[in-house]
Amino acid sequence: MRVLLVEDHAKLATTVARGLRQKGMAVDVAFDGQDALDHLIGTAYDVVVLDRELPRVHGDEVCRQIAAGPGSTRVLMLTAARSVGDRVAGLGIGADDYLAKPFAFAELVARIQALGRRATPATPPTLVHGDLVVDPARRVATRAGKPLRLTPKEFAVLERLLAARGSVLTVGDLLAGVWDEMADPFTGTVKVTVSRLRAKLGDPPVIETVPPGGYRI
């Protein structure tokens, strides 16, 4: 899942981004509203975690522009305000969900995952292909009933391929959906990760290479 975290408190943003990456998400960070809009021009995000009180461009305006756009990006708005009126206002400008600060990290993760499943087309909570079962919420993958020991990136690649429902994903698709903006697009990181994932999945193979540079299940 590709996530944009928009938070002007640098320490909080860094801590939250680190935690989300440990949960297998690809996370980019923007520290103000204009920075967020610049990120959104070139990248399709599954979920934007958006602080409401932002410098340069207010979070409300960022949310309005996301809601008015053509994509299926979901917005989880963060704010220190707790009143019902604030929540209604945030949802009224196009936010899909609302979370008041301070928040429990586990709840933030659960809400992001829930919004990710509301993408178009909707992704089922459990992904199944034959004897291969992936539960994104619990971060559990099994084959023939046996648990698979996958790294966060391997898990994310497998989740992305299963969610594609047989469609071909290019190296670029996987790089954009699983890795964040710090990834070097000219390295073989996707190929290496898929190779290791194949080895852990075992036989019979489930990941097919589709020339010139794609994969599918």
N, C-alpha and C. Protein backbone atom coordinates (compact mmCIF):
# COMPACT_ATOMS: atom_id res chain seq x y z
N MET A 1 0.84 -1.19 0.00
CA MET A 1 0.00 0.00 0.00
C MET A 1 0.88 1.25 0.00
N ARG A 2 0.58 2.18 -0.87
CA ARG A 2 1.35 3.43 -0.98
C ARG A 2 0.62 4.51 -0.17
N VAL A 3 1.31 5.08 0.79
CA VAL A 3 0.72 6.04 1.72
C VAL A 3 1.51 7.34 1.68
N LEU A 4 0.79 8.46 1.68
CA LEU A 4 1.40 9.77 1.85
C LEU A 4 1.03 10.28 3.24
N LEU A 5 2.03 10.51 4.07
CA LEU A 5 1.82 11.05 5.41
C LEU A 5 2.14 12.53 5.38
N VAL A 6 1.15 13.36 5.71
CA VAL A 6 1.32 14.82 5.68
C VAL A 6 1.22 15.33 7.11
N GLU A 7 2.36 15.73 7.67
CA GLU A 7 2.43 16.13 9.07
C GLU A 7 3.59 17.10 9.23
N ASP A 8 3.30 18.29 9.78
CA ASP A 8 4.34 19.30 9.87
C ASP A 8 5.23 19.14 11.10
N HIS A 9 4.86 18.28 12.02
CA HIS A 9 5.70 18.00 13.18
C HIS A 9 6.69 16.92 12.77
N ALA A 10 7.93 17.32 12.52
CA ALA A 10 8.91 16.43 11.90
C ALA A 10 9.16 15.16 12.70
N LYS A 11 9.29 15.29 14.02
CA LYS A 11 9.58 14.12 14.85
C LYS A 11 8.44 13.13 14.81
N LEU A 12 7.20 13.63 14.92
CA LEU A 12 6.03 12.75 14.85
C LEU A 12 5.94 12.08 13.49
N ALA A 13 6.15 12.87 12.42
CA ALA A 13 6.07 12.32 11.07
C ALA A 13 7.09 11.21 10.87
N THR A 14 8.31 11.43 11.33
CA THR A 14 9.37 10.43 11.16
C THR A 14 9.05 9.16 11.93
N THR A 15 8.54 9.31 13.15
CA THR A 15 8.22 8.15 13.98
C THR A 15 7.07 7.34 13.38
N VAL A 16 6.01 8.04 12.96
CA VAL A 16 4.85 7.35 12.39
C VAL A 16 5.23 6.68 11.07
N ALA A 17 5.99 7.37 10.23
CA ALA A 17 6.40 6.78 8.94
C ALA A 17 7.22 5.51 9.16
N ARG A 18 8.12 5.54 10.14
CA ARG A 18 8.94 4.37 10.42
C ARG A 18 8.05 3.20 10.84
N GLY A 19 7.07 3.47 11.69
CA GLY A 19 6.17 2.41 12.14
C GLY A 19 5.33 1.84 11.02
N LEU A 20 4.84 2.70 10.12
CA LEU A 20 4.03 2.22 9.00
C LEU A 20 4.86 1.39 8.04
N ARG A 21 6.12 1.77 7.82
CA ARG A 21 7.00 0.98 6.95
C ARG A 21 7.24 -0.40 7.54
N GLN A 22 7.33 -0.47 8.86
CA GLN A 22 7.51 -1.77 9.51
C GLN A 22 6.28 -2.65 9.34
N LYS A 23 5.14 -2.03 9.05
CA LYS A 23 3.91 -2.77 8.77
C LYS A 23 3.79 -3.11 7.28
N GLY A 24 4.83 -2.84 6.52
CA GLY A 24 4.85 -3.22 5.11
C GLY A 24 4.32 -2.18 4.15
N MET A 25 4.06 -0.97 4.62
CA MET A 25 3.54 0.07 3.74
C MET A 25 4.69 0.88 3.14
N ALA A 26 4.48 1.38 1.94
CA ALA A 26 5.42 2.30 1.31
C ALA A 26 4.96 3.71 1.65
N VAL A 27 5.80 4.44 2.37
CA VAL A 27 5.37 5.72 2.94
C VAL A 27 6.25 6.87 2.46
N ASP A 28 5.63 7.88 1.87
CA ASP A 28 6.28 9.15 1.58
C ASP A 28 5.81 10.16 2.61
N VAL A 29 6.64 11.14 2.91
CA VAL A 29 6.31 12.14 3.93
C VAL A 29 6.34 13.54 3.34
N ALA A 30 5.31 14.33 3.63
CA ALA A 30 5.27 15.74 3.27
C ALA A 30 5.07 16.54 4.56
N PHE A 31 5.75 17.68 4.65
CA PHE A 31 5.73 18.43 5.90
C PHE A 31 4.86 19.69 5.85
N ASP A 32 4.25 19.96 4.71
CA ASP A 32 3.30 21.07 4.63
C ASP A 32 2.32 20.79 3.48
N GLY A 33 1.28 21.64 3.39
CA GLY A 33 0.25 21.39 2.40
C GLY A 33 0.72 21.49 0.97
N GLN A 34 1.58 22.44 0.65
CA GLN A 34 2.08 22.56 -0.71
C GLN A 34 2.95 21.37 -1.09
N ASP A 35 3.76 20.91 -0.13
CA ASP A 35 4.58 19.72 -0.34
C ASP A 35 3.69 18.52 -0.65
N ALA A 36 2.57 18.41 0.06
CA ALA A 36 1.63 17.32 -0.19
C ALA A 36 1.07 17.38 -1.60
N LEU A 37 0.65 18.57 -2.02
CA LEU A 37 0.09 18.72 -3.37
C LEU A 37 1.13 18.39 -4.44
N ASP A 38 2.39 18.76 -4.19
CA ASP A 38 3.46 18.44 -5.13
C ASP A 38 3.65 16.93 -5.25
N HIS A 39 3.59 16.23 -4.12
CA HIS A 39 3.69 14.76 -4.15
C HIS A 39 2.54 14.15 -4.94
N LEU A 40 1.35 14.69 -4.76
CA LEU A 40 0.15 14.11 -5.38
C LEU A 40 0.13 14.28 -6.89
N ILE A 41 0.90 15.23 -7.41
CA ILE A 41 0.93 15.43 -8.86
C ILE A 41 1.52 14.22 -9.57
N GLY A 42 2.58 13.65 -9.02
CA GLY A 42 3.29 12.60 -9.74
C GLY A 42 3.09 11.19 -9.23
N THR A 43 2.36 11.02 -8.13
CA THR A 43 2.24 9.69 -7.53
C THR A 43 0.79 9.39 -7.18
N ALA A 44 0.35 8.17 -7.48
CA ALA A 44 -0.99 7.72 -7.10
C ALA A 44 -0.91 7.02 -5.74
N TYR A 45 -1.49 7.63 -4.75
CA TYR A 45 -1.46 7.06 -3.40
C TYR A 45 -2.77 6.33 -3.10
N ASP A 46 -2.65 5.24 -2.35
CA ASP A 46 -3.85 4.54 -1.89
C ASP A 46 -4.53 5.33 -0.78
N VAL A 47 -3.72 5.81 0.15
CA VAL A 47 -4.25 6.55 1.30
C VAL A 47 -3.36 7.75 1.59
N VAL A 48 -3.98 8.88 1.92
CA VAL A 48 -3.27 10.06 2.41
C VAL A 48 -3.67 10.28 3.86
N VAL A 49 -2.69 10.25 4.74
CA VAL A 49 -2.91 10.57 6.15
C VAL A 49 -2.60 12.05 6.30
N LEU A 50 -3.62 12.85 6.54
CA LEU A 50 -3.52 14.30 6.37
C LEU A 50 -3.80 15.06 7.66
N ASP A 51 -2.76 15.71 8.19
CA ASP A 51 -2.96 16.61 9.33
C ASP A 51 -3.76 17.81 8.84
N ARG A 52 -4.67 18.28 9.66
CA ARG A 52 -5.55 19.37 9.22
C ARG A 52 -4.87 20.73 9.29
N GLU A 53 -4.14 20.97 10.36
CA GLU A 53 -3.50 22.28 10.56
C GLU A 53 -2.09 22.25 9.96
N LEU A 54 -1.97 22.67 8.71
CA LEU A 54 -0.70 22.63 7.99
C LEU A 54 -0.27 24.02 7.55
N PRO A 55 1.03 24.27 7.50
CA PRO A 55 1.50 25.54 6.93
C PRO A 55 1.41 25.55 5.42
N ARG A 56 1.53 26.73 4.86
CA ARG A 56 1.52 27.01 3.41
C ARG A 56 0.14 26.76 2.81
N VAL A 57 -0.30 25.53 2.74
CA VAL A 57 -1.65 25.24 2.26
C VAL A 57 -2.36 24.44 3.35
N HIS A 58 -3.51 24.92 3.79
CA HIS A 58 -4.24 24.26 4.88
C HIS A 58 -4.66 22.86 4.48
N GLY A 59 -4.73 21.96 5.46
CA GLY A 59 -5.14 20.59 5.19
C GLY A 59 -6.51 20.48 4.57
N ASP A 60 -7.42 21.40 4.92
CA ASP A 60 -8.76 21.37 4.33
C ASP A 60 -8.69 21.55 2.82
N GLU A 61 -7.85 22.45 2.36
CA GLU A 61 -7.72 22.69 0.93
C GLU A 61 -7.08 21.50 0.23
N VAL A 62 -6.08 20.90 0.86
CA VAL A 62 -5.46 19.70 0.29
C VAL A 62 -6.52 18.60 0.14
N CYS A 63 -7.33 18.43 1.17
CA CYS A 63 -8.39 17.42 1.13
C CYS A 63 -9.38 17.70 0.01
N ARG A 64 -9.77 18.96 -0.14
CA ARG A 64 -10.73 19.31 -1.21
C ARG A 64 -10.16 18.97 -2.59
N GLN A 65 -8.88 19.25 -2.79
CA GLN A 65 -8.28 18.98 -4.09
C GLN A 65 -8.18 17.47 -4.35
N ILE A 66 -7.89 16.70 -3.32
CA ILE A 66 -7.85 15.25 -3.49
C ILE A 66 -9.25 14.74 -3.85
N ALA A 67 -10.26 15.20 -3.10
CA ALA A 67 -11.64 14.75 -3.34
C ALA A 67 -12.13 15.13 -4.72
N ALA A 68 -11.66 16.27 -5.24
CA ALA A 68 -12.11 16.74 -6.55
C ALA A 68 -11.36 16.07 -7.69
N GLY A 69 -10.28 15.37 -7.38
CA GLY A 69 -9.46 14.75 -8.41
C GLY A 69 -10.08 13.48 -8.96
N PRO A 70 -9.47 12.93 -10.01
CA PRO A 70 -10.04 11.76 -10.69
C PRO A 70 -9.69 10.43 -10.04
N GLY A 71 -8.73 10.40 -9.12
CA GLY A 71 -8.25 9.14 -8.57
C GLY A 71 -9.14 8.59 -7.47
N SER A 72 -8.72 7.44 -6.91
CA SER A 72 -9.47 6.77 -5.85
C SER A 72 -8.75 6.88 -4.51
N THR A 73 -7.88 7.88 -4.37
CA THR A 73 -7.13 8.06 -3.12
C THR A 73 -8.08 8.34 -1.96
N ARG A 74 -7.86 7.63 -0.85
CA ARG A 74 -8.66 7.83 0.36
C ARG A 74 -7.91 8.75 1.32
N VAL A 75 -8.67 9.54 2.07
CA VAL A 75 -8.07 10.51 2.98
C VAL A 75 -8.46 10.21 4.42
N LEU A 76 -7.44 10.04 5.26
CA LEU A 76 -7.64 9.92 6.70
C LEU A 76 -7.15 11.23 7.32
N MET A 77 -8.07 12.02 7.85
CA MET A 77 -7.71 13.33 8.37
C MET A 77 -7.36 13.24 9.86
N LEU A 78 -6.27 13.90 10.23
CA LEU A 78 -5.83 13.96 11.62
C LEU A 78 -6.02 15.38 12.14
N THR A 79 -6.46 15.50 13.38
CA THR A 79 -6.57 16.82 13.98
C THR A 79 -6.57 16.71 15.49
N ALA A 80 -6.10 17.76 16.15
CA ALA A 80 -6.11 17.79 17.61
C ALA A 80 -7.51 18.09 18.15
N ALA A 81 -8.39 18.60 17.31
CA ALA A 81 -9.75 18.92 17.74
C ALA A 81 -10.58 17.65 17.87
N ARG A 82 -11.41 17.59 18.90
CA ARG A 82 -12.16 16.37 19.18
C ARG A 82 -13.67 16.53 19.07
N SER A 83 -14.17 17.73 18.82
CA SER A 83 -15.61 17.95 18.84
C SER A 83 -16.29 17.29 17.66
N VAL A 84 -17.58 17.02 17.83
CA VAL A 84 -18.37 16.42 16.74
C VAL A 84 -18.39 17.37 15.54
N GLY A 85 -18.48 18.67 15.80
CA GLY A 85 -18.50 19.64 14.71
C GLY A 85 -17.24 19.58 13.87
N ASP A 86 -16.09 19.39 14.51
CA ASP A 86 -14.84 19.28 13.76
C ASP A 86 -14.82 18.02 12.90
N ARG A 87 -15.32 16.94 13.46
CA ARG A 87 -15.34 15.69 12.69
C ARG A 87 -16.28 15.82 11.48
N VAL A 88 -17.43 16.42 11.71
CA VAL A 88 -18.39 16.61 10.61
C VAL A 88 -17.79 17.51 9.53
N ALA A 89 -17.10 18.57 9.96
CA ALA A 89 -16.49 19.49 8.99
C ALA A 89 -15.44 18.76 8.16
N GLY A 90 -14.61 17.96 8.81
CA GLY A 90 -13.58 17.23 8.08
C GLY A 90 -14.15 16.26 7.07
N LEU A 91 -15.20 15.54 7.47
CA LEU A 91 -15.83 14.60 6.55
C LEU A 91 -16.57 15.33 5.44
N GLY A 92 -17.08 16.52 5.76
CA GLY A 92 -17.85 17.28 4.78
C GLY A 92 -17.03 17.81 3.63
N ILE A 93 -15.72 17.97 3.82
CA ILE A 93 -14.89 18.49 2.73
C ILE A 93 -14.25 17.37 1.91
N GLY A 94 -14.61 16.11 2.22
CA GLY A 94 -14.14 15.02 1.38
C GLY A 94 -13.28 13.98 2.05
N ALA A 95 -12.99 14.13 3.34
CA ALA A 95 -12.22 13.10 4.04
C ALA A 95 -13.04 11.82 4.14
N ASP A 96 -12.36 10.68 4.08
CA ASP A 96 -13.05 9.39 4.19
C ASP A 96 -13.12 8.89 5.62
N ASP A 97 -12.21 9.37 6.45
CA ASP A 97 -12.20 8.97 7.86
C ASP A 97 -11.52 10.08 8.65
N TYR A 98 -11.63 9.98 9.96
CA TYR A 98 -11.19 11.06 10.83
C TYR A 98 -10.60 10.43 12.09
N LEU A 99 -9.45 10.93 12.53
CA LEU A 99 -8.81 10.41 13.73
C LEU A 99 -8.26 11.58 14.53
N ALA A 100 -8.66 11.67 15.79
CA ALA A 100 -8.22 12.77 16.64
C ALA A 100 -6.87 12.46 17.28
N LYS A 101 -6.06 13.50 17.43
CA LYS A 101 -4.79 13.38 18.15
C LYS A 101 -5.04 13.63 19.64
N PRO A 102 -4.28 12.97 20.51
CA PRO A 102 -3.32 11.90 20.23
C PRO A 102 -4.05 10.61 19.91
N PHE A 103 -3.44 9.76 19.11
CA PHE A 103 -4.08 8.52 18.68
C PHE A 103 -3.19 7.33 19.01
N ALA A 104 -3.81 6.17 19.11
CA ALA A 104 -3.07 4.92 19.29
C ALA A 104 -2.56 4.47 17.92
N PHE A 105 -1.29 4.11 17.86
CA PHE A 105 -0.71 3.74 16.57
C PHE A 105 -1.45 2.55 15.95
N ALA A 106 -1.85 1.58 16.78
CA ALA A 106 -2.57 0.41 16.26
C ALA A 106 -3.88 0.82 15.58
N GLU A 107 -4.54 1.82 16.14
CA GLU A 107 -5.79 2.29 15.52
C GLU A 107 -5.50 2.99 14.20
N LEU A 108 -4.43 3.77 14.15
CA LEU A 108 -4.05 4.42 12.90
C LEU A 108 -3.80 3.38 11.81
N VAL A 109 -3.05 2.33 12.14
CA VAL A 109 -2.76 1.27 11.16
C VAL A 109 -4.06 0.62 10.69
N ALA A 110 -4.95 0.30 11.63
CA ALA A 110 -6.21 -0.37 11.28
C ALA A 110 -7.06 0.50 10.36
N ARG A 111 -7.09 1.80 10.63
CA ARG A 111 -7.90 2.70 9.80
C ARG A 111 -7.30 2.85 8.40
N ILE A 112 -5.98 2.92 8.30
CA ILE A 112 -5.33 2.99 6.99
C ILE A 112 -5.62 1.73 6.19
N GLN A 113 -5.49 0.57 6.83
CA GLN A 113 -5.75 -0.69 6.14
C GLN A 113 -7.20 -0.78 5.68
N ALA A 114 -8.13 -0.30 6.52
CA ALA A 114 -9.54 -0.33 6.14
C ALA A 114 -9.80 0.58 4.93
N LEU A 115 -9.18 1.75 4.92
CA LEU A 115 -9.35 2.64 3.77
C LEU A 115 -8.73 2.04 2.52
N GLY A 116 -7.58 1.37 2.67
CA GLY A 116 -6.94 0.73 1.53
C GLY A 116 -7.84 -0.32 0.89
N ARG A 117 -8.63 -1.00 1.71
CA ARG A 117 -9.54 -2.02 1.18
C ARG A 117 -10.73 -1.41 0.46
N ARG A 118 -10.94 -0.11 0.65
CA ARG A 118 -12.05 0.56 -0.02
C ARG A 118 -11.65 1.15 -1.37
N ALA A 119 -10.48 0.77 -1.85
CA ALA A 119 -10.05 1.23 -3.16
C ALA A 119 -10.95 0.64 -4.23
N THR A 120 -10.84 1.15 -5.44
CA THR A 120 -11.66 0.67 -6.56
C THR A 120 -10.80 -0.11 -7.54
N PRO A 121 -11.07 -1.42 -7.80
CA PRO A 121 -12.12 -2.22 -7.17
C PRO A 121 -11.76 -2.61 -5.74
N ALA A 122 -12.78 -2.87 -4.94
CA ALA A 122 -12.55 -3.18 -3.53
C ALA A 122 -11.72 -4.44 -3.38
N THR A 123 -10.80 -4.41 -2.43
CA THR A 123 -9.97 -5.57 -2.14
C THR A 123 -10.56 -6.33 -0.97
N PRO A 124 -10.76 -7.65 -1.09
CA PRO A 124 -11.32 -8.42 0.01
C PRO A 124 -10.36 -8.45 1.19
N PRO A 125 -10.89 -8.62 2.43
CA PRO A 125 -10.03 -8.62 3.61
C PRO A 125 -9.02 -9.76 3.62
N THR A 126 -9.35 -10.90 2.98
CA THR A 126 -8.43 -12.02 2.87
C THR A 126 -8.26 -12.37 1.40
N LEU A 127 -7.00 -12.50 0.97
CA LEU A 127 -6.69 -12.80 -0.43
C LEU A 127 -6.33 -14.27 -0.55
N VAL A 128 -6.99 -14.96 -1.49
CA VAL A 128 -6.81 -16.41 -1.61
C VAL A 128 -6.54 -16.79 -3.06
N HIS A 129 -5.56 -17.65 -3.26
CA HIS A 129 -5.30 -18.23 -4.58
C HIS A 129 -4.89 -19.68 -4.35
N GLY A 130 -5.81 -20.60 -4.64
CA GLY A 130 -5.52 -22.01 -4.37
C GLY A 130 -5.25 -22.24 -2.89
N ASP A 131 -4.08 -22.80 -2.59
CA ASP A 131 -3.73 -23.05 -1.19
C ASP A 131 -2.94 -21.90 -0.56
N LEU A 132 -2.86 -20.79 -1.28
CA LEU A 132 -2.14 -19.61 -0.80
C LEU A 132 -3.15 -18.62 -0.21
N VAL A 133 -2.94 -18.25 1.05
CA VAL A 133 -3.86 -17.35 1.75
C VAL A 133 -3.07 -16.22 2.38
N VAL A 134 -3.51 -14.98 2.14
CA VAL A 134 -2.85 -13.81 2.70
C VAL A 134 -3.89 -12.97 3.44
N ASP A 135 -3.60 -12.68 4.69
CA ASP A 135 -4.46 -11.83 5.52
C ASP A 135 -3.70 -10.52 5.78
N PRO A 136 -3.98 -9.45 5.01
CA PRO A 136 -3.23 -8.20 5.15
C PRO A 136 -3.36 -7.56 6.53
N ALA A 137 -4.53 -7.65 7.13
CA ALA A 137 -4.73 -7.00 8.43
C ALA A 137 -3.87 -7.65 9.51
N ARG A 138 -3.77 -8.96 9.50
CA ARG A 138 -2.98 -9.67 10.52
C ARG A 138 -1.54 -9.88 10.09
N ARG A 139 -1.22 -9.50 8.84
CA ARG A 139 0.14 -9.66 8.30
C ARG A 139 0.55 -11.12 8.34
N VAL A 140 -0.36 -11.99 7.91
CA VAL A 140 -0.12 -13.43 7.93
C VAL A 140 -0.30 -13.99 6.53
N ALA A 141 0.65 -14.82 6.09
CA ALA A 141 0.55 -15.51 4.80
C ALA A 141 0.83 -17.00 5.03
N THR A 142 0.01 -17.83 4.43
CA THR A 142 0.21 -19.28 4.55
C THR A 142 0.07 -19.94 3.19
N ARG A 143 0.73 -21.08 3.05
CA ARG A 143 0.53 -21.92 1.86
C ARG A 143 0.37 -23.35 2.32
N ALA A 144 -0.71 -23.95 1.88
CA ALA A 144 -1.08 -25.30 2.31
C ALA A 144 -1.12 -25.38 3.83
N GLY A 145 -1.58 -24.30 4.45
CA GLY A 145 -1.73 -24.27 5.89
C GLY A 145 -0.46 -23.97 6.67
N LYS A 146 0.67 -23.83 5.97
CA LYS A 146 1.94 -23.60 6.65
C LYS A 146 2.31 -22.11 6.55
N PRO A 147 2.71 -21.50 7.67
CA PRO A 147 3.05 -20.07 7.64
C PRO A 147 4.28 -19.79 6.80
N LEU A 148 4.24 -18.66 6.09
CA LEU A 148 5.36 -18.22 5.28
C LEU A 148 6.09 -17.10 6.02
N ARG A 149 7.40 -17.22 6.12
CA ARG A 149 8.20 -16.19 6.79
C ARG A 149 8.67 -15.18 5.74
N LEU A 150 7.89 -14.12 5.60
CA LEU A 150 8.16 -13.13 4.56
C LEU A 150 8.64 -11.82 5.18
N THR A 151 9.54 -11.15 4.48
CA THR A 151 9.93 -9.80 4.89
C THR A 151 8.77 -8.86 4.57
N PRO A 152 8.75 -7.64 5.15
CA PRO A 152 7.66 -6.70 4.83
C PRO A 152 7.51 -6.43 3.33
N LYS A 153 8.62 -6.31 2.60
CA LYS A 153 8.54 -6.04 1.17
C LYS A 153 8.03 -7.27 0.41
N GLU A 154 8.48 -8.46 0.79
CA GLU A 154 7.98 -9.68 0.14
C GLU A 154 6.48 -9.82 0.37
N PHE A 155 6.05 -9.55 1.59
CA PHE A 155 4.62 -9.63 1.89
C PHE A 155 3.84 -8.62 1.06
N ALA A 156 4.36 -7.40 0.97
CA ALA A 156 3.66 -6.35 0.22
C ALA A 156 3.57 -6.68 -1.27
N VAL A 157 4.63 -7.24 -1.83
CA VAL A 157 4.61 -7.64 -3.25
C VAL A 157 3.57 -8.74 -3.46
N LEU A 158 3.56 -9.73 -2.59
CA LEU A 158 2.59 -10.82 -2.70
C LEU A 158 1.17 -10.30 -2.58
N GLU A 159 0.95 -9.41 -1.62
CA GLU A 159 -0.38 -8.82 -1.44
C GLU A 159 -0.81 -8.07 -2.69
N ARG A 160 0.11 -7.31 -3.27
CA ARG A 160 -0.20 -6.51 -4.46
C ARG A 160 -0.54 -7.42 -5.64
N LEU A 161 0.22 -8.47 -5.83
CA LEU A 161 -0.02 -9.39 -6.94
C LEU A 161 -1.36 -10.11 -6.78
N LEU A 162 -1.67 -10.55 -5.57
CA LEU A 162 -2.95 -11.22 -5.34
C LEU A 162 -4.12 -10.28 -5.54
N ALA A 163 -3.96 -9.03 -5.08
CA ALA A 163 -5.04 -8.05 -5.22
C ALA A 163 -5.30 -7.70 -6.68
N ALA A 164 -4.31 -7.91 -7.54
CA ALA A 164 -4.47 -7.61 -8.97
C ALA A 164 -5.37 -8.62 -9.67
N ARG A 165 -5.64 -9.75 -9.02
CA ARG A 165 -6.59 -10.75 -9.53
C ARG A 165 -6.25 -11.24 -10.94
N GLY A 166 -5.01 -11.57 -11.14
CA GLY A 166 -4.59 -12.14 -12.41
C GLY A 166 -4.09 -11.13 -13.43
N SER A 167 -4.26 -9.85 -13.14
CA SER A 167 -3.74 -8.83 -14.05
C SER A 167 -2.22 -8.74 -13.92
N VAL A 168 -1.58 -8.28 -14.98
CA VAL A 168 -0.13 -8.15 -14.99
C VAL A 168 0.26 -6.84 -14.31
N LEU A 169 1.21 -6.92 -13.39
CA LEU A 169 1.79 -5.73 -12.77
C LEU A 169 3.22 -5.59 -13.27
N THR A 170 3.55 -4.43 -13.76
CA THR A 170 4.91 -4.19 -14.24
C THR A 170 5.84 -3.93 -13.06
N VAL A 171 7.13 -3.93 -13.36
CA VAL A 171 8.11 -3.57 -12.33
C VAL A 171 7.81 -2.18 -11.80
N GLY A 172 7.43 -1.27 -12.70
CA GLY A 172 7.07 0.08 -12.29
C GLY A 172 5.87 0.11 -11.36
N ASP A 173 4.87 -0.73 -11.65
CA ASP A 173 3.69 -0.80 -10.78
C ASP A 173 4.08 -1.23 -9.37
N LEU A 174 4.90 -2.27 -9.30
CA LEU A 174 5.31 -2.78 -7.99
C LEU A 174 6.21 -1.79 -7.27
N LEU A 175 7.09 -1.15 -8.02
CA LEU A 175 7.98 -0.17 -7.41
C LEU A 175 7.17 0.99 -6.84
N ALA A 176 6.15 1.43 -7.58
CA ALA A 176 5.33 2.55 -7.13
C ALA A 176 4.42 2.18 -5.97
N GLY A 177 3.97 0.93 -5.93
CA GLY A 177 3.01 0.54 -4.90
C GLY A 177 3.61 0.01 -3.63
N VAL A 178 4.84 -0.50 -3.70
CA VAL A 178 5.44 -1.18 -2.55
C VAL A 178 6.61 -0.40 -1.96
N TRP A 179 7.36 0.28 -2.80
CA TRP A 179 8.51 1.05 -2.34
C TRP A 179 8.15 2.53 -2.28
N ASP A 180 8.87 3.30 -1.47
CA ASP A 180 8.57 4.72 -1.37
C ASP A 180 9.50 5.53 -2.26
N GLU A 181 9.46 6.84 -2.13
CA GLU A 181 10.20 7.71 -3.03
C GLU A 181 11.71 7.62 -2.87
N MET A 182 12.18 6.96 -1.81
CA MET A 182 13.61 6.80 -1.60
C MET A 182 14.19 5.66 -2.43
N ALA A 183 13.33 4.83 -3.02
CA ALA A 183 13.80 3.69 -3.80
C ALA A 183 14.43 4.15 -5.11
N ASP A 184 15.50 3.49 -5.53
CA ASP A 184 16.17 3.79 -6.79
C ASP A 184 15.52 2.95 -7.89
N PRO A 185 14.83 3.59 -8.85
CA PRO A 185 14.12 2.84 -9.90
C PRO A 185 15.05 2.10 -10.85
N PHE A 186 16.34 2.39 -10.80
CA PHE A 186 17.27 1.76 -11.74
C PHE A 186 17.99 0.54 -11.14
N THR A 187 17.61 0.18 -9.92
CA THR A 187 18.20 -1.02 -9.33
C THR A 187 17.31 -2.23 -9.64
N GLY A 188 17.80 -3.42 -9.33
CA GLY A 188 17.03 -4.64 -9.55
C GLY A 188 16.29 -5.08 -8.31
N THR A 189 15.89 -4.12 -7.45
CA THR A 189 15.29 -4.49 -6.17
C THR A 189 13.99 -5.27 -6.32
N VAL A 190 13.17 -4.92 -7.32
CA VAL A 190 11.92 -5.65 -7.52
C VAL A 190 12.21 -7.08 -7.96
N LYS A 191 13.11 -7.25 -8.91
CA LYS A 191 13.45 -8.58 -9.41
C LYS A 191 14.01 -9.46 -8.30
N VAL A 192 14.87 -8.89 -7.47
CA VAL A 192 15.46 -9.66 -6.37
C VAL A 192 14.39 -10.06 -5.36
N THR A 193 13.49 -9.12 -5.04
CA THR A 193 12.43 -9.42 -4.07
C THR A 193 11.50 -10.49 -4.59
N VAL A 194 11.11 -10.42 -5.86
CA VAL A 194 10.24 -11.44 -6.45
C VAL A 194 10.93 -12.79 -6.46
N SER A 195 12.22 -12.81 -6.76
CA SER A 195 12.98 -14.06 -6.77
C SER A 195 12.98 -14.72 -5.39
N ARG A 196 13.21 -13.93 -4.37
CA ARG A 196 13.22 -14.47 -3.00
C ARG A 196 11.83 -14.92 -2.59
N LEU A 197 10.82 -14.18 -3.02
CA LEU A 197 9.44 -14.54 -2.70
C LEU A 197 9.08 -15.87 -3.35
N ARG A 198 9.46 -16.03 -4.59
CA ARG A 198 9.20 -17.30 -5.29
C ARG A 198 9.80 -18.49 -4.54
N ALA A 199 11.04 -18.31 -4.08
CA ALA A 199 11.73 -19.39 -3.37
C ALA A 199 10.97 -19.75 -2.09
N LYS A 200 10.44 -18.75 -1.39
CA LYS A 200 9.73 -19.02 -0.14
C LYS A 200 8.35 -19.62 -0.39
N LEU A 201 7.73 -19.27 -1.53
CA LEU A 201 6.42 -19.83 -1.85
C LEU A 201 6.50 -21.30 -2.23
N GLY A 202 7.64 -21.72 -2.78
CA GLY A 202 7.83 -23.12 -3.13
C GLY A 202 7.08 -23.55 -4.37
N ASP A 203 6.92 -24.86 -4.53
CA ASP A 203 6.27 -25.44 -5.71
C ASP A 203 4.87 -25.91 -5.39
N PRO A 204 3.98 -25.94 -6.40
CA PRO A 204 4.20 -25.43 -7.76
C PRO A 204 4.25 -23.91 -7.77
N PRO A 205 4.99 -23.33 -8.72
CA PRO A 205 5.15 -21.87 -8.77
C PRO A 205 3.80 -21.18 -8.97
N VAL A 206 3.64 -20.01 -8.37
CA VAL A 206 2.40 -19.25 -8.54
C VAL A 206 2.63 -17.89 -9.19
N ILE A 207 3.87 -17.41 -9.17
CA ILE A 207 4.17 -16.11 -9.77
C ILE A 207 4.74 -16.32 -11.17
N GLU A 208 4.06 -15.78 -12.15
CA GLU A 208 4.47 -15.92 -13.55
C GLU A 208 5.15 -14.64 -14.02
N THR A 209 6.26 -14.78 -14.71
CA THR A 209 6.92 -13.64 -15.35
C THR A 209 6.29 -13.40 -16.71
N VAL A 210 5.88 -12.17 -16.97
CA VAL A 210 5.25 -11.82 -18.24
C VAL A 210 6.14 -10.82 -18.95
N PRO A 211 6.84 -11.25 -20.03
CA PRO A 211 7.72 -10.33 -20.76
C PRO A 211 6.94 -9.13 -21.30
N PRO A 212 7.59 -7.94 -21.37
CA PRO A 212 9.02 -7.73 -21.16
C PRO A 212 9.40 -7.41 -19.71
N GLY A 213 8.45 -7.09 -18.85
CA GLY A 213 8.85 -6.74 -17.48
C GLY A 213 7.69 -6.74 -16.52
N GLY A 214 6.95 -7.82 -16.49
CA GLY A 214 5.79 -7.85 -15.61
C GLY A 214 5.64 -9.18 -14.89
N TYR A 215 4.76 -9.19 -13.90
CA TYR A 215 4.49 -10.40 -13.11
C TYR A 215 3.00 -10.48 -12.84
N ARG A 216 2.54 -11.74 -12.67
CA ARG A 216 1.15 -11.92 -12.27
C ARG A 216 1.01 -13.26 -11.55
N ILE A 217 -0.08 -13.38 -10.81
CA ILE A 217 -0.42 -14.65 -10.17
C ILE A 217 -1.65 -15.19 -10.89
